[in-house]
Amino acid sequence: MHKFFAKTLFAGKNIDYLPDCHSTNDFLLQLARQKMAKEGHVVVADYQSHGKGQRGSSWVSEPGKNLLFSLLIKPSFLPLDRQYLLTLMTANALHQALAHWQVDKVEIKWPNDIYLNNRKAAGILCESSLMGHRMEYAVLGMGVNLNQRDFGDVQATSLWNETGQQVIRDEVLEQVLLLLEKWYAVLKDGNEHELYAYYHQHLRWKDERRVFRDAGGEFSGTLRGIDEKGCLVIEKHDRTVCYTIKELIFIR
């Protein structure tokens, strides 16, 4: 028996729980293409055989241990060149939800990860479908490490590792959905400054001098935030450089 999310306005009112699937994003995108999912539809899986991350990376999770889900929204109000704001609002919601568990350090790592005490604990993948010059729908996919203890050689962690307590998946899911609705409303109301303010307040390495790698090799620079296009702004030597997702690697 799974919890009914009575507190949410629309998110999770229709929900599919799957023992396993290729990818919750792929499953929900297929439902959306077939006109079988309304806004707020959620797909949750115990296991994903081909979970996806940014840059074509995979998301690996032990069966039944973590929260793997996708949410369908229909942000037709959002201009195509502002699609990155969906990742921004999702990162804010996920950060705020995990901060509820009072881990010492909860940070957003640009562009789509949440770190707990300097280790990755959650990832985000937003995918959308366009119709002409507007966005028809978008799927917000999230993987959150809850009760997995061992990550092998991967620099990752979980809520259990950081708090010493097992957590109930549906409780975390409901908290995330409530906060997604909150930040979605902020975006709908045009209050982008609120999105940026929260994101920058919790952005990993912000205003710190760190080592990165770009096409020219390793360099030290100061991370200043993100710009109006969602690019990362780095103060490098005597100039400011803006990077897209595939152009920069964090080193130390």
Protein backbone atom coordinates (compact mmCIF):
# COMPACT_ATOMS: atom_id res chain seq x y z
CA MET A 1 0.00 0.00 0.00
CA HIS A 2 1.37 3.39 -0.99
CA LYS A 3 0.55 6.71 0.55
CA PHE A 4 -2.07 8.98 -1.02
CA PHE A 5 -0.69 12.49 -1.28
CA ALA A 6 -3.60 14.47 0.16
CA LYS A 7 -1.57 17.62 0.80
CA THR A 8 -0.49 18.29 -2.78
CA LEU A 9 -2.57 20.37 -5.19
CA PHE A 10 -1.96 18.34 -8.35
CA ALA A 11 1.38 16.54 -8.13
CA GLY A 12 1.05 12.82 -7.46
CA LYS A 13 -2.74 12.65 -7.68
CA ASN A 14 -2.15 10.17 -10.50
CA ILE A 15 0.80 7.91 -9.78
CA ASP A 16 2.32 4.73 -11.18
CA TYR A 17 4.53 2.57 -8.94
CA LEU A 18 6.76 0.22 -10.93
CA PRO A 19 8.95 -2.59 -9.55
CA ASP A 20 11.42 -1.84 -12.32
CA CYS A 21 11.61 0.04 -15.59
CA HIS A 22 14.09 1.25 -18.18
CA SER A 23 13.81 4.84 -16.95
CA THR A 24 11.01 6.69 -15.16
CA ASN A 25 11.59 9.63 -17.51
CA ASP A 26 11.23 7.40 -20.58
CA PHE A 27 8.10 5.75 -19.16
CA LEU A 28 6.41 9.05 -18.38
CA LEU A 29 7.46 10.65 -21.66
CA GLN A 30 5.81 7.73 -23.46
CA LEU A 31 2.61 8.21 -21.45
CA ALA A 32 2.65 11.92 -22.32
CA ARG A 33 3.17 11.23 -26.03
CA GLN A 34 0.19 8.86 -25.95
CA LYS A 35 -1.94 11.50 -24.17
CA MET A 36 -2.28 9.14 -21.19
CA ALA A 37 -0.88 11.46 -18.51
CA LYS A 38 -2.16 14.74 -17.11
CA GLU A 39 -0.08 17.44 -15.48
CA GLY A 40 1.05 16.20 -12.09
CA HIS A 41 1.32 12.54 -13.14
CA VAL A 42 4.14 10.80 -11.26
CA VAL A 43 6.03 7.60 -12.02
CA VAL A 44 8.04 5.93 -9.23
CA ALA A 45 10.30 2.91 -9.68
CA ASP A 46 12.06 0.59 -7.25
CA TYR A 47 14.76 0.05 -9.85
CA GLN A 48 15.83 1.57 -13.18
CA SER A 49 17.86 -0.52 -15.59
CA HIS A 50 18.92 2.55 -17.57
CA GLY A 51 18.56 5.53 -15.24
CA LYS A 52 19.84 8.68 -16.90
CA GLY A 53 21.81 11.72 -15.83
CA GLN A 54 23.22 14.80 -17.51
CA ARG A 55 25.91 14.52 -20.24
CA GLY A 56 24.67 11.03 -21.09
CA SER A 57 25.77 9.60 -17.74
CA SER A 58 23.91 6.81 -15.97
CA TRP A 59 22.24 6.81 -12.56
CA VAL A 60 22.89 3.57 -10.67
CA SER A 61 20.83 2.64 -7.60
CA GLU A 62 20.28 -0.51 -5.54
CA PRO A 63 16.73 -1.89 -5.99
CA GLY A 64 14.23 -0.64 -3.43
CA LYS A 65 16.72 1.52 -1.53
CA ASN A 66 16.24 4.96 -3.04
CA LEU A 67 13.72 7.38 -4.51
CA LEU A 68 13.55 7.27 -8.32
CA PHE A 69 10.70 9.23 -9.85
CA SER A 70 9.52 11.58 -12.58
CA LEU A 71 6.85 14.30 -12.60
CA LEU A 72 4.97 15.62 -15.63
CA ILE A 73 4.30 19.37 -15.90
CA LYS A 74 2.98 21.53 -18.74
CA PRO A 75 4.79 24.88 -18.58
CA SER A 76 3.41 26.33 -21.81
CA PHE A 77 3.90 29.81 -20.30
CA LEU A 78 7.68 29.41 -20.31
CA PRO A 79 9.65 30.74 -23.33
CA LEU A 80 11.85 28.12 -24.98
CA ASP A 81 15.01 30.04 -24.14
CA ARG A 82 14.08 29.83 -20.42
CA GLN A 83 13.77 26.05 -20.21
CA TYR A 84 16.77 25.87 -17.89
CA LEU A 85 14.58 27.47 -15.18
CA LEU A 86 12.88 24.08 -14.80
CA THR A 87 16.15 22.58 -13.62
CA LEU A 88 16.66 25.60 -11.39
CA MET A 89 13.29 25.25 -9.67
CA THR A 90 13.70 21.47 -9.34
CA ALA A 91 17.11 21.88 -7.73
CA ASN A 92 15.66 24.41 -5.28
CA ALA A 93 12.79 22.07 -4.35
CA LEU A 94 15.04 19.05 -3.92
CA HIS A 95 17.58 21.02 -1.88
CA GLN A 96 14.88 22.40 0.40
CA ALA A 97 13.37 18.94 0.88
CA LEU A 98 16.68 17.32 1.82
CA ALA A 99 17.57 20.22 4.12
CA HIS A 100 14.49 19.20 6.11
CA TRP A 101 16.51 16.22 7.40
CA GLN A 102 19.04 18.58 9.02
CA VAL A 103 22.20 17.31 7.39
CA ASP A 104 25.18 19.53 8.25
CA LYS A 105 25.83 20.70 4.70
CA VAL A 106 23.29 20.55 1.85
CA GLU A 107 24.38 22.19 -1.42
CA ILE A 108 23.31 22.53 -5.04
CA LYS A 109 26.08 21.63 -7.47
CA TRP A 110 25.57 23.25 -10.84
CA PRO A 111 23.69 22.35 -12.86
CA ASN A 112 21.67 19.43 -11.51
CA ASP A 113 23.04 17.68 -8.41
CA ILE A 114 22.47 17.91 -4.68
CA TYR A 115 25.41 17.25 -2.36
CA LEU A 116 25.27 16.22 1.29
CA ASN A 117 28.49 16.86 3.20
CA ASN A 118 30.53 17.08 -0.02
CA ARG A 119 29.16 13.90 -1.61
CA LYS A 120 26.51 13.53 -4.29
CA ALA A 121 23.14 12.41 -2.97
CA ALA A 122 20.67 13.38 -5.70
CA GLY A 123 20.51 14.16 -9.39
CA ILE A 124 18.03 15.82 -11.74
CA LEU A 125 17.23 15.35 -15.41
CA CYS A 126 14.61 17.58 -17.07
CA GLU A 127 13.39 16.59 -20.53
CA SER A 128 10.80 18.41 -22.61
CA SER A 129 8.70 18.13 -25.72
CA LEU A 130 8.11 21.13 -27.96
CA MET A 131 5.14 22.00 -30.12
CA GLY A 132 5.96 24.78 -32.54
CA HIS A 133 7.35 27.69 -30.56
CA ARG A 134 6.12 26.55 -27.16
CA MET A 135 6.82 23.81 -24.67
CA GLU A 136 4.10 21.16 -24.78
CA TYR A 137 5.19 19.37 -21.62
CA ALA A 138 8.24 18.59 -19.52
CA VAL A 139 9.27 15.64 -17.38
CA LEU A 140 11.26 16.33 -14.22
CA GLY A 141 13.24 13.23 -13.30
CA MET A 142 14.96 12.80 -9.93
CA GLY A 143 17.09 10.19 -8.23
CA VAL A 144 17.61 10.60 -4.48
CA ASN A 145 19.80 8.30 -2.39
CA LEU A 146 17.81 7.43 0.70
CA ASN A 147 18.71 4.10 2.31
CA GLN A 148 21.61 2.80 0.23
CA ARG A 149 24.73 2.43 2.39
CA ASP A 150 27.48 1.28 0.02
CA PHE A 151 28.43 3.13 -3.17
CA GLY A 152 31.71 1.35 -3.92
CA ASP A 153 34.26 3.64 -5.53
CA VAL A 154 31.67 6.31 -6.39
CA GLN A 155 31.86 9.50 -4.33
CA ALA A 156 28.21 9.41 -3.28
CA THR A 157 26.18 9.30 -0.09
CA SER A 158 22.60 8.91 1.16
CA LEU A 159 20.30 10.33 3.80
CA TRP A 160 20.84 7.22 5.92
CA ASN A 161 24.61 7.58 5.72
CA GLU A 162 24.43 11.23 6.77
CA THR A 163 21.73 11.02 9.44
CA GLY A 164 22.14 7.47 10.74
CA GLN A 165 18.44 6.82 10.21
CA GLN A 166 16.41 4.96 7.63
CA VAL A 167 13.87 7.16 5.85
CA ILE A 168 10.49 6.29 4.37
CA ARG A 169 10.42 6.82 0.62
CA ASP A 170 6.83 8.09 0.38
CA GLU A 171 7.47 10.70 3.07
CA VAL A 172 10.41 12.08 1.11
CA LEU A 173 8.44 11.93 -2.13
CA GLU A 174 5.52 13.88 -0.65
CA GLN A 175 7.87 16.53 0.72
CA VAL A 176 9.60 16.91 -2.66
CA LEU A 177 6.28 17.12 -4.53
CA LEU A 178 4.94 19.80 -2.17
CA LEU A 179 8.07 21.88 -2.69
CA LEU A 180 8.03 21.34 -6.44
CA GLU A 181 4.51 22.76 -6.47
CA LYS A 182 5.71 25.73 -4.42
CA TRP A 183 8.61 26.57 -6.73
CA TYR A 184 6.52 25.89 -9.84
CA ALA A 185 4.07 28.54 -8.60
CA VAL A 186 6.97 30.96 -8.09
CA LEU A 187 8.04 30.35 -11.69
CA LYS A 188 4.48 30.73 -13.02
CA ASP A 189 4.13 34.05 -11.20
CA GLY A 190 7.23 35.36 -12.96
CA ASN A 191 9.28 35.70 -9.78
CA GLU A 192 12.51 34.47 -11.30
CA HIS A 193 14.54 36.56 -8.86
CA GLU A 194 13.32 34.27 -6.06
CA LEU A 195 14.53 31.22 -7.96
CA TYR A 196 17.95 32.77 -8.52
CA ALA A 197 18.25 34.05 -4.95
CA TYR A 198 17.63 30.64 -3.37
CA TYR A 199 19.79 28.83 -5.93
CA HIS A 200 22.73 31.20 -5.41
CA GLN A 201 22.37 31.08 -1.64
CA HIS A 202 22.95 27.33 -1.67
CA LEU A 203 25.23 26.96 -4.70
CA ARG A 204 28.27 24.79 -4.05
CA TRP A 205 31.62 26.66 -4.27
CA LYS A 206 29.96 30.05 -4.81
CA ASP A 207 32.47 32.91 -4.37
CA GLU A 208 35.23 30.39 -3.67
CA ARG A 209 38.44 30.10 -5.65
CA ARG A 210 38.61 26.57 -7.02
CA VAL A 211 40.20 24.47 -9.74
CA PHE A 212 38.25 23.67 -12.92
CA ARG A 213 39.00 22.22 -16.35
CA ASP A 214 37.83 23.58 -19.69
CA ALA A 215 38.98 23.05 -23.28
CA GLY A 216 42.21 24.87 -22.45
CA GLY A 217 43.09 22.67 -19.47
CA GLU A 218 43.02 23.15 -15.70
CA PHE A 219 42.75 26.63 -14.23
CA SER A 220 41.85 28.31 -10.95
CA GLY A 221 38.90 30.66 -10.83
CA THR A 222 36.13 32.01 -8.63
CA LEU A 223 32.59 30.72 -9.15
CA ARG A 224 30.22 33.70 -9.19
CA GLY A 225 26.87 32.06 -9.98
CA ILE A 226 24.70 31.54 -13.03
CA ASP A 227 23.63 34.08 -15.63
CA GLU A 228 20.27 34.77 -17.28
CA LYS A 229 20.85 31.87 -19.70
CA GLY A 230 21.64 29.32 -17.00
CA CYS A 231 25.36 29.28 -17.76
CA LEU A 232 27.93 29.10 -14.97
CA VAL A 233 29.89 32.31 -14.45
CA ILE A 234 33.56 31.92 -13.52
CA GLU A 235 35.93 34.78 -12.75
CA LYS A 236 39.07 33.62 -14.53
CA HIS A 237 42.25 35.67 -14.27
CA ASP A 238 41.26 39.18 -15.35
CA ARG A 239 38.01 38.28 -17.13
CA THR A 240 34.66 36.61 -16.60
CA VAL A 241 33.79 33.49 -18.60
CA CYS A 242 30.38 31.82 -18.94
CA TYR A 243 30.20 28.04 -19.41
CA THR A 244 27.46 25.71 -20.62
CA ILE A 245 26.99 22.23 -19.16
CA LYS A 246 29.44 20.40 -21.44
CA GLU A 247 32.20 23.00 -21.34
CA LEU A 248 33.42 22.77 -17.74
CA ILE A 249 34.49 20.10 -15.25
CA PHE A 250 34.82 20.68 -11.50
CA ILE A 251 38.21 19.47 -10.18
CA ARG A 252 38.78 20.54 -6.55
